[in-house]
PDB file of N, CA and C in Angstrom:
ATOM      1  N   MET A   1      -1.145 -32.766  25.735  1.00  0.00           N
ATOM      2  CA  MET A   1      -1.818 -32.085  24.665  1.00  0.00           C
ATOM      3  C   MET A   1      -1.245 -30.678  24.532  1.00  0.00           C
ATOM      4  N   HIS A   2      -0.992 -30.238  23.307  1.00  0.00           N
ATOM      5  CA  HIS A   2      -0.427 -28.910  23.110  1.00  0.00           C
ATOM      6  C   HIS A   2      -1.512 -27.911  22.714  1.00  0.00           C
ATOM      7  N   GLU A   3      -1.245 -26.670  23.039  1.00  0.00           N
ATOM      8  CA  GLU A   3      -2.193 -25.600  22.738  1.00  0.00           C
ATOM      9  C   GLU A   3      -2.115 -25.257  21.251  1.00  0.00           C
ATOM     10  N   ILE A   4      -3.254 -25.075  20.631  1.00  0.00           N
ATOM     11  CA  ILE A   4      -3.291 -24.704  19.220  1.00  0.00           C
ATOM     12  C   ILE A   4      -3.272 -23.190  19.118  1.00  0.00           C
ATOM     13  N   LYS A   5      -2.270 -22.667  18.439  1.00  0.00           N
ATOM     14  CA  LYS A   5      -2.194 -21.230  18.216  1.00  0.00           C
ATOM     15  C   LYS A   5      -2.995 -20.888  16.967  1.00  0.00           C
ATOM     16  N   LYS A   6      -3.608 -19.733  16.983  1.00  0.00           N
ATOM     17  CA  LYS A   6      -4.337 -19.275  15.810  1.00  0.00           C
ATOM     18  C   LYS A   6      -3.447 -18.353  15.004  1.00  0.00           C
ATOM     19  N   GLY A   7      -3.583 -18.440  13.713  1.00  0.00           N
ATOM     20  CA  GLY A   7      -2.837 -17.571  12.829  1.00  0.00           C
ATOM     21  C   GLY A   7      -3.765 -16.990  11.789  1.00  0.00           C
ATOM     22  N   LYS A   8      -3.237 -16.120  10.991  1.00  0.00           N
ATOM     23  CA  LYS A   8      -4.010 -15.487   9.931  1.00  0.00           C
ATOM     24  C   LYS A   8      -3.209 -15.497   8.642  1.00  0.00           C
ATOM     25  N   VAL A   9      -3.947 -15.524   7.554  1.00  0.00           N
ATOM     26  CA  VAL A   9      -3.351 -15.421   6.226  1.00  0.00           C
ATOM     27  C   VAL A   9      -3.909 -14.161   5.600  1.00  0.00           C
ATOM     28  N   TYR A  10      -3.041 -13.306   5.098  1.00  0.00           N
ATOM     29  CA  TYR A  10      -3.461 -12.086   4.433  1.00  0.00           C
ATOM     30  C   TYR A  10      -3.032 -12.135   2.977  1.00  0.00           C
ATOM     31  N   LEU A  11      -3.911 -11.746   2.096  1.00  0.00           N
ATOM     32  CA  LEU A  11      -3.572 -11.534   0.694  1.00  0.00           C
ATOM     33  C   LEU A  11      -3.519 -10.021   0.511  1.00  0.00           C
ATOM     34  N   ILE A  12      -2.350  -9.518   0.192  1.00  0.00           N
ATOM     35  CA  ILE A  12      -2.149  -8.074   0.127  1.00  0.00           C
ATOM     36  C   ILE A  12      -1.768  -7.687  -1.298  1.00  0.00           C
ATOM     37  N   GLY A  13      -2.531  -6.787  -1.855  1.00  0.00           N
ATOM     38  CA  GLY A  13      -2.203  -6.247  -3.169  1.00  0.00           C
ATOM     39  C   GLY A  13      -1.155  -5.158  -3.014  1.00  0.00           C
ATOM     40  N   ALA A  14      -0.201  -5.148  -3.894  1.00  0.00           N
ATOM     41  CA  ALA A  14       0.879  -4.164  -3.806  1.00  0.00           C
ATOM     42  C   ALA A  14       0.605  -2.931  -4.655  1.00  0.00           C
ATOM     43  N   GLY A  15      -0.602  -2.811  -5.175  1.00  0.00           N
ATOM     44  CA  GLY A  15      -0.959  -1.625  -5.949  1.00  0.00           C
ATOM     45  C   GLY A  15      -0.285  -1.588  -7.303  1.00  0.00           C
ATOM     46  N   PRO A  16      -0.223  -0.399  -7.875  1.00  0.00           N
ATOM     47  CA  PRO A  16       0.318  -0.257  -9.229  1.00  0.00           C
ATOM     48  C   PRO A  16       1.847  -0.208  -9.297  1.00  0.00           C
ATOM     49  N   GLY A  17       2.509  -0.503  -8.188  1.00  0.00           N
ATOM     50  CA  GLY A  17       3.967  -0.572  -8.212  1.00  0.00           C
ATOM     51  C   GLY A  17       4.672   0.590  -7.550  1.00  0.00           C
ATOM     52  N   ASP A  18       3.957   1.666  -7.264  1.00  0.00           N
ATOM     53  CA  ASP A  18       4.543   2.828  -6.605  1.00  0.00           C
ATOM     54  C   ASP A  18       4.619   2.545  -5.101  1.00  0.00           C
ATOM     55  N   ILE A  19       5.809   2.539  -4.534  1.00  0.00           N
ATOM     56  CA  ILE A  19       5.999   2.241  -3.112  1.00  0.00           C
ATOM     57  C   ILE A  19       5.187   3.182  -2.237  1.00  0.00           C
ATOM     58  N   GLY A  20       4.959   4.394  -2.680  1.00  0.00           N
ATOM     59  CA  GLY A  20       4.190   5.375  -1.918  1.00  0.00           C
ATOM     60  C   GLY A  20       2.711   5.042  -1.833  1.00  0.00           C
ATOM     61  N   LEU A  21       2.240   4.116  -2.649  1.00  0.00           N
ATOM     62  CA  LEU A  21       0.834   3.747  -2.646  1.00  0.00           C
ATOM     63  C   LEU A  21       0.570   2.441  -1.894  1.00  0.00           C
ATOM     64  N   PHE A  22       1.610   1.828  -1.368  1.00  0.00           N
ATOM     65  CA  PHE A  22       1.446   0.616  -0.578  1.00  0.00           C
ATOM     66  C   PHE A  22       0.744   1.008   0.719  1.00  0.00           C
ATOM     67  N   THR A  23      -0.267   0.264   1.143  1.00  0.00           N
ATOM     68  CA  THR A  23      -1.057   0.667   2.307  1.00  0.00           C
ATOM     69  C   THR A  23      -0.312   0.444   3.619  1.00  0.00           C
ATOM     70  N   LEU A  24      -0.686   1.225   4.616  1.00  0.00           N
ATOM     71  CA  LEU A  24      -0.098   1.060   5.946  1.00  0.00           C
ATOM     72  C   LEU A  24      -0.456  -0.292   6.538  1.00  0.00           C
ATOM     73  N   LYS A  25      -1.675  -0.755   6.312  1.00  0.00           N
ATOM     74  CA  LYS A  25      -2.072  -2.067   6.821  1.00  0.00           C
ATOM     75  C   LYS A  25      -1.246  -3.161   6.146  1.00  0.00           C
ATOM     76  N   GLY A  26      -1.033  -3.025   4.846  1.00  0.00           N
ATOM     77  CA  GLY A  26      -0.182  -3.981   4.134  1.00  0.00           C
ATOM     78  C   GLY A  26       1.218  -3.993   4.707  1.00  0.00           C
ATOM     79  N   LEU A  27       1.749  -2.821   5.010  1.00  0.00           N
ATOM     80  CA  LEU A  27       3.085  -2.708   5.588  1.00  0.00           C
ATOM     81  C   LEU A  27       3.152  -3.372   6.959  1.00  0.00           C
ATOM     82  N   ARG A  28       2.141  -3.144   7.814  1.00  0.00           N
ATOM     83  CA  ARG A  28       2.114  -3.770   9.147  1.00  0.00           C
ATOM     84  C   ARG A  28       2.080  -5.296   9.022  1.00  0.00           C
ATOM     85  N   CYS A  29       1.257  -5.789   8.117  1.00  0.00           N
ATOM     86  CA  CYS A  29       1.174  -7.245   7.924  1.00  0.00           C
ATOM     87  C   CYS A  29       2.495  -7.811   7.441  1.00  0.00           C
ATOM     88  N   LEU A  30       3.110  -7.121   6.509  1.00  0.00           N
ATOM     89  CA  LEU A  30       4.371  -7.584   5.936  1.00  0.00           C
ATOM     90  C   LEU A  30       5.469  -7.637   6.996  1.00  0.00           C
ATOM     91  N   LYS A  31       5.508  -6.647   7.866  1.00  0.00           N
ATOM     92  CA  LYS A  31       6.552  -6.586   8.896  1.00  0.00           C
ATOM     93  C   LYS A  31       6.452  -7.719   9.912  1.00  0.00           C
ATOM     94  N   LYS A  32       5.241  -8.241  10.145  1.00  0.00           N
ATOM     95  CA  LYS A  32       5.109  -9.305  11.141  1.00  0.00           C
ATOM     96  C   LYS A  32       4.871 -10.683  10.519  1.00  0.00           C
ATOM     97  N   ALA A  33       4.939 -10.771   9.218  1.00  0.00           N
ATOM     98  CA  ALA A  33       4.691 -12.038   8.525  1.00  0.00           C
ATOM     99  C   ALA A  33       5.803 -13.055   8.772  1.00  0.00           C
ATOM    100  N   GLU A  34       5.397 -14.319   8.912  1.00  0.00           N
ATOM    101  CA  GLU A  34       6.360 -15.418   9.020  1.00  0.00           C
ATOM    102  C   GLU A  34       6.756 -15.917   7.638  1.00  0.00           C
ATOM    103  N   VAL A  35       5.835 -15.816   6.688  1.00  0.00           N
ATOM    104  CA  VAL A  35       6.063 -16.257   5.315  1.00  0.00           C
ATOM    105  C   VAL A  35       5.508 -15.203   4.376  1.00  0.00           C
ATOM    106  N   VAL A  36       6.258 -14.862   3.342  1.00  0.00           N
ATOM    107  CA  VAL A  36       5.819 -13.914   2.333  1.00  0.00           C
ATOM    108  C   VAL A  36       6.014 -14.559   0.967  1.00  0.00           C
ATOM    109  N   VAL A  37       4.936 -14.637   0.219  1.00  0.00           N
ATOM    110  CA  VAL A  37       4.967 -15.191  -1.136  1.00  0.00           C
ATOM    111  C   VAL A  37       4.605 -14.052  -2.075  1.00  0.00           C
ATOM    112  N   TYR A  38       5.419 -13.815  -3.082  1.00  0.00           N
ATOM    113  CA  TYR A  38       5.177 -12.685  -3.974  1.00  0.00           C
ATOM    114  C   TYR A  38       5.500 -13.068  -5.412  1.00  0.00           C
ATOM    115  N   ASP A  39       5.136 -12.181  -6.336  1.00  0.00           N
ATOM    116  CA  ASP A  39       5.462 -12.437  -7.737  1.00  0.00           C
ATOM    117  C   ASP A  39       6.253 -11.257  -8.304  1.00  0.00           C
ATOM    118  N   PHE A  40       6.540 -11.317  -9.586  1.00  0.00           N
ATOM    119  CA  PHE A  40       7.425 -10.333 -10.204  1.00  0.00           C
ATOM    120  C   PHE A  40       6.830  -8.936 -10.255  1.00  0.00           C
ATOM    121  N   HIS A  41       5.541  -8.786 -10.029  1.00  0.00           N
ATOM    122  CA  HIS A  41       4.902  -7.470 -10.056  1.00  0.00           C
ATOM    123  C   HIS A  41       5.305  -6.613  -8.854  1.00  0.00           C
ATOM    124  N   LEU A  42       5.781  -7.244  -7.792  1.00  0.00           N
ATOM    125  CA  LEU A  42       6.092  -6.528  -6.565  1.00  0.00           C
ATOM    126  C   LEU A  42       7.231  -5.537  -6.770  1.00  0.00           C
ATOM    127  N   ASN A  43       7.046  -4.316  -6.300  1.00  0.00           N
ATOM    128  CA  ASN A  43       8.115  -3.326  -6.303  1.00  0.00           C
ATOM    129  C   ASN A  43       9.200  -3.838  -5.358  1.00  0.00           C
ATOM    130  N   ALA A  44      10.412  -3.955  -5.832  1.00  0.00           N
ATOM    131  CA  ALA A  44      11.508  -4.528  -5.047  1.00  0.00           C
ATOM    132  C   ALA A  44      11.751  -3.778  -3.743  1.00  0.00           C
ATOM    133  N   GLN A  45      11.396  -2.498  -3.671  1.00  0.00           N
ATOM    134  CA  GLN A  45      11.576  -1.736  -2.438  1.00  0.00           C
ATOM    135  C   GLN A  45      10.738  -2.311  -1.297  1.00  0.00           C
ATOM    136  N   ILE A  46       9.611  -2.907  -1.619  1.00  0.00           N
ATOM    137  CA  ILE A  46       8.739  -3.476  -0.590  1.00  0.00           C
ATOM    138  C   ILE A  46       9.435  -4.631   0.128  1.00  0.00           C
ATOM    139  N   LEU A  47      10.326  -5.327  -0.567  1.00  0.00           N
ATOM    140  CA  LEU A  47      11.046  -6.444   0.047  1.00  0.00           C
ATOM    141  C   LEU A  47      11.881  -5.998   1.245  1.00  0.00           C
ATOM    142  N   ASN A  48      12.242  -4.725   1.293  1.00  0.00           N
ATOM    143  CA  ASN A  48      13.019  -4.198   2.420  1.00  0.00           C
ATOM    144  C   ASN A  48      12.248  -4.239   3.731  1.00  0.00           C
ATOM    145  N   TYR A  49      10.938  -4.355   3.672  1.00  0.00           N
ATOM    146  CA  TYR A  49      10.104  -4.340   4.873  1.00  0.00           C
ATOM    147  C   TYR A  49       9.793  -5.739   5.409  1.00  0.00           C
ATOM    148  N   ILE A  50      10.270  -6.760   4.740  1.00  0.00           N
ATOM    149  CA  ILE A  50      10.053  -8.129   5.211  1.00  0.00           C
ATOM    150  C   ILE A  50      11.024  -8.415   6.345  1.00  0.00           C
ATOM    151  N   ASP A  51      10.510  -8.986   7.429  1.00  0.00           N
ATOM    152  CA  ASP A  51      11.341  -9.372   8.559  1.00  0.00           C
ATOM    153  C   ASP A  51      12.435 -10.321   8.058  1.00  0.00           C
ATOM    154  N   HIS A  52      13.659 -10.113   8.503  1.00  0.00           N
ATOM    155  CA  HIS A  52      14.780 -10.939   8.049  1.00  0.00           C
ATOM    156  C   HIS A  52      14.624 -12.410   8.438  1.00  0.00           C
ATOM    157  N   ASP A  53      13.828 -12.682   9.466  1.00  0.00           N
ATOM    158  CA  ASP A  53      13.599 -14.065   9.890  1.00  0.00           C
ATOM    159  C   ASP A  53      12.470 -14.734   9.117  1.00  0.00           C
ATOM    160  N   ALA A  54      11.729 -13.955   8.345  1.00  0.00           N
ATOM    161  CA  ALA A  54      10.599 -14.509   7.599  1.00  0.00           C
ATOM    162  C   ALA A  54      11.099 -15.272   6.372  1.00  0.00           C
ATOM    163  N   GLU A  55      10.352 -16.298   6.040  1.00  0.00           N
ATOM    164  CA  GLU A  55      10.630 -17.025   4.804  1.00  0.00           C
ATOM    165  C   GLU A  55       9.979 -16.234   3.679  1.00  0.00           C
ATOM    166  N   SER A  56      10.707 -15.976   2.617  1.00  0.00           N
ATOM    167  CA  SER A  56      10.099 -15.284   1.481  1.00  0.00           C
ATOM    168  C   SER A  56      10.520 -15.976   0.201  1.00  0.00           C
ATOM    169  N   SER A  57       9.595 -15.987  -0.754  1.00  0.00           N
ATOM    170  CA  SER A  57       9.920 -16.622  -2.017  1.00  0.00           C
ATOM    171  C   SER A  57       9.052 -16.076  -3.132  1.00  0.00           C
ATOM    172  N   MET A  58       9.636 -15.994  -4.308  1.00  0.00           N
ATOM    173  CA  MET A  58       8.891 -15.598  -5.487  1.00  0.00           C
ATOM    174  C   MET A  58       8.226 -16.855  -6.023  1.00  0.00           C
ATOM    175  N   GLN A  59       6.917 -16.809  -6.198  1.00  0.00           N
ATOM    176  CA  GLN A  59       6.172 -17.981  -6.629  1.00  0.00           C
ATOM    177  C   GLN A  59       5.676 -17.901  -8.062  1.00  0.00           C
ATOM    178  N   ALA A  60       5.831 -16.785  -8.687  1.00  0.00           N
ATOM    179  CA  ALA A  60       5.407 -16.658 -10.078  1.00  0.00           C
ATOM    180  C   ALA A  60       6.396 -15.748 -10.779  1.00  0.00           C
ATOM    181  N   SER A  61       6.652 -16.027 -12.016  1.00  0.00           N
ATOM    182  CA  SER A  61       7.611 -15.209 -12.745  1.00  0.00           C
ATOM    183  C   SER A  61       7.022 -14.782 -14.083  1.00  0.00           C
ATOM    184  N   ARG A  62       7.735 -13.956 -14.766  1.00  0.00           N
ATOM    185  CA  ARG A  62       7.250 -13.433 -16.049  1.00  0.00           C
ATOM    186  C   ARG A  62       6.954 -14.568 -17.031  1.00  0.00           C
ATOM    187  N   ALA A  63       5.987 -14.329 -17.869  1.00  0.00           N
ATOM    188  CA  ALA A  63       5.553 -15.342 -18.836  1.00  0.00           C
ATOM    189  C   ALA A  63       6.692 -15.791 -19.748  1.00  0.00           C
ATOM    190  N   VAL A  64       7.664 -14.939 -19.969  1.00  0.00           N
ATOM    191  CA  VAL A  64       8.755 -15.312 -20.875  1.00  0.00           C
ATOM    192  C   VAL A  64       9.745 -16.270 -20.221  1.00  0.00           C
ATOM    193  N   THR A  65       9.640 -16.449 -18.904  1.00  0.00           N
ATOM    194  CA  THR A  65      10.548 -17.391 -18.249  1.00  0.00           C
ATOM    195  C   THR A  65       9.767 -18.620 -17.805  1.00  0.00           C
ATOM    196  N   HIS A  66       9.581 -18.821 -16.520  1.00  0.00           N
ATOM    197  CA  HIS A  66       8.920 -20.021 -16.008  1.00  0.00           C
ATOM    198  C   HIS A  66       7.612 -19.652 -15.317  1.00  0.00           C
ATOM    199  N   ALA A  67       6.614 -19.289 -16.077  1.00  0.00           N
ATOM    200  CA  ALA A  67       5.346 -18.855 -15.502  1.00  0.00           C
ATOM    201  C   ALA A  67       4.645 -20.003 -14.794  1.00  0.00           C
ATOM    202  N   MET A  68       3.996 -19.690 -13.701  1.00  0.00           N
ATOM    203  CA  MET A  68       3.167 -20.648 -12.976  1.00  0.00           C
ATOM    204  C   MET A  68       1.721 -20.324 -13.309  1.00  0.00           C
ATOM    205  N   THR A  69       0.909 -21.326 -13.380  1.00  0.00           N
ATOM    206  CA  THR A  69      -0.517 -21.087 -13.582  1.00  0.00           C
ATOM    207  C   THR A  69      -1.113 -20.601 -12.268  1.00  0.00           C
ATOM    208  N   GLN A  70      -2.302 -20.016 -12.331  1.00  0.00           N
ATOM    209  CA  GLN A  70      -2.954 -19.569 -11.106  1.00  0.00           C
ATOM    210  C   GLN A  70      -3.206 -20.745 -10.167  1.00  0.00           C
ATOM    211  N   ASP A  71      -3.564 -21.902 -10.722  1.00  0.00           N
ATOM    212  CA  ASP A  71      -3.766 -23.090  -9.890  1.00  0.00           C
ATOM    213  C   ASP A  71      -2.488 -23.489  -9.160  1.00  0.00           C
ATOM    214  N   GLU A  72      -1.345 -23.390  -9.831  1.00  0.00           N
ATOM    215  CA  GLU A  72      -0.065 -23.721  -9.193  1.00  0.00           C
ATOM    216  C   GLU A  72       0.277 -22.717  -8.094  1.00  0.00           C
ATOM    217  N   ILE A  73      -0.018 -21.450  -8.330  1.00  0.00           N
ATOM    218  CA  ILE A  73       0.220 -20.424  -7.315  1.00  0.00           C
ATOM    219  C   ILE A  73      -0.677 -20.682  -6.110  1.00  0.00           C
ATOM    220  N   ASN A  74      -1.949 -20.960  -6.370  1.00  0.00           N
ATOM    221  CA  ASN A  74      -2.882 -21.255  -5.279  1.00  0.00           C
ATOM    222  C   ASN A  74      -2.399 -22.443  -4.461  1.00  0.00           C
ATOM    223  N   GLN A  75      -1.931 -23.485  -5.122  1.00  0.00           N
ATOM    224  CA  GLN A  75      -1.449 -24.672  -4.417  1.00  0.00           C
ATOM    225  C   GLN A  75      -0.208 -24.348  -3.598  1.00  0.00           C
ATOM    226  N   ALA A  76       0.680 -23.518  -4.126  1.00  0.00           N
ATOM    227  CA  ALA A  76       1.872 -23.115  -3.378  1.00  0.00           C
ATOM    228  C   ALA A  76       1.476 -22.366  -2.109  1.00  0.00           C
ATOM    229  N   LEU A  77       0.466 -21.515  -2.192  1.00  0.00           N
ATOM    230  CA  LEU A  77      -0.010 -20.786  -1.016  1.00  0.00           C
ATOM    231  C   LEU A  77      -0.596 -21.750   0.021  1.00  0.00           C
ATOM    232  N   ILE A  78      -1.377 -22.707  -0.436  1.00  0.00           N
ATOM    233  CA  ILE A  78      -1.965 -23.707   0.465  1.00  0.00           C
ATOM    234  C   ILE A  78      -0.861 -24.530   1.123  1.00  0.00           C
ATOM    235  N   ASP A  79       0.150 -24.922   0.355  1.00  0.00           N
ATOM    236  CA  ASP A  79       1.261 -25.705   0.907  1.00  0.00           C
ATOM    237  C   ASP A  79       1.994 -24.922   1.999  1.00  0.00           C
ATOM    238  N   LYS A  80       2.215 -23.623   1.763  1.00  0.00           N
ATOM    239  CA  LYS A  80       2.884 -22.779   2.774  1.00  0.00           C
ATOM    240  C   LYS A  80       2.033 -22.707   4.035  1.00  0.00           C
ATOM    241  N   LEU A  81       0.725 -22.552   3.871  1.00  0.00           N
ATOM    242  CA  LEU A  81      -0.179 -22.486   5.009  1.00  0.00           C
ATOM    243  C   LEU A  81      -0.103 -23.760   5.836  1.00  0.00           C
ATOM    244  N   ARG A  82      -0.140 -24.880   5.179  1.00  0.00           N
ATOM    245  CA  ARG A  82      -0.140 -26.163   5.890  1.00  0.00           C
ATOM    246  C   ARG A  82       1.157 -26.406   6.653  1.00  0.00           C
ATOM    247  N   LYS A  83       2.245 -25.767   6.254  1.00  0.00           N
ATOM    248  CA  LYS A  83       3.515 -25.920   6.946  1.00  0.00           C
ATOM    249  C   LYS A  83       3.664 -24.957   8.111  1.00  0.00           C
ATOM    250  N   ALA A  84       2.731 -24.016   8.246  1.00  0.00           N
ATOM    251  CA  ALA A  84       2.817 -23.017   9.318  1.00  0.00           C
ATOM    252  C   ALA A  84       2.721 -23.695  10.678  1.00  0.00           C
ATOM    253  N   SER A  85       3.474 -23.191  11.637  1.00  0.00           N
ATOM    254  CA  SER A  85       3.509 -23.781  12.973  1.00  0.00           C
ATOM    255  C   SER A  85       2.163 -23.734  13.668  1.00  0.00           C
ATOM    256  N   TRP A  86       1.314 -22.796  13.306  1.00  0.00           N
ATOM    257  CA  TRP A  86       0.019 -22.637  13.978  1.00  0.00           C
ATOM    258  C   TRP A  86      -1.121 -23.331  13.248  1.00  0.00           C
ATOM    259  N   TYR A  87      -0.878 -23.872  12.065  1.00  0.00           N
ATOM    260  CA  TYR A  87      -1.955 -24.477  11.288  1.00  0.00           C
ATOM    261  C   TYR A  87      -2.435 -25.760  11.959  1.00  0.00           C
ATOM    262  N   ALA A  88      -3.754 -25.883  12.131  1.00  0.00           N
ATOM    263  CA  ALA A  88      -4.308 -27.046  12.814  1.00  0.00           C
ATOM    264  C   ALA A  88      -5.254 -27.843  11.932  1.00  0.00           C
ATOM    265  N   GLY A  89      -5.227 -27.606  10.628  1.00  0.00           N
ATOM    266  CA  GLY A  89      -6.172 -28.252   9.722  1.00  0.00           C
ATOM    267  C   GLY A  89      -5.764 -29.628   9.415  1.00  0.00           C
TER     268      GLY A  89
END
């Protein structure tokens, strides 16, 4: 029998786009994240703080291109969670 590791999922708002307004807690979470899912609203400078070993992907894009519905975004987040090494659901 293997030990079940516990993990956490954080939803972090990136604020109004100013890198100086990104919270310290958000930054700490981002630096240790295994998976980062973001959309086009994210200030590109924030991507510099993602661990190079972390999986990251844009899950929503501008309405003029290939927009995802909120339900599709929610499902993508759930799918990422279920693939996590620590998920026991």
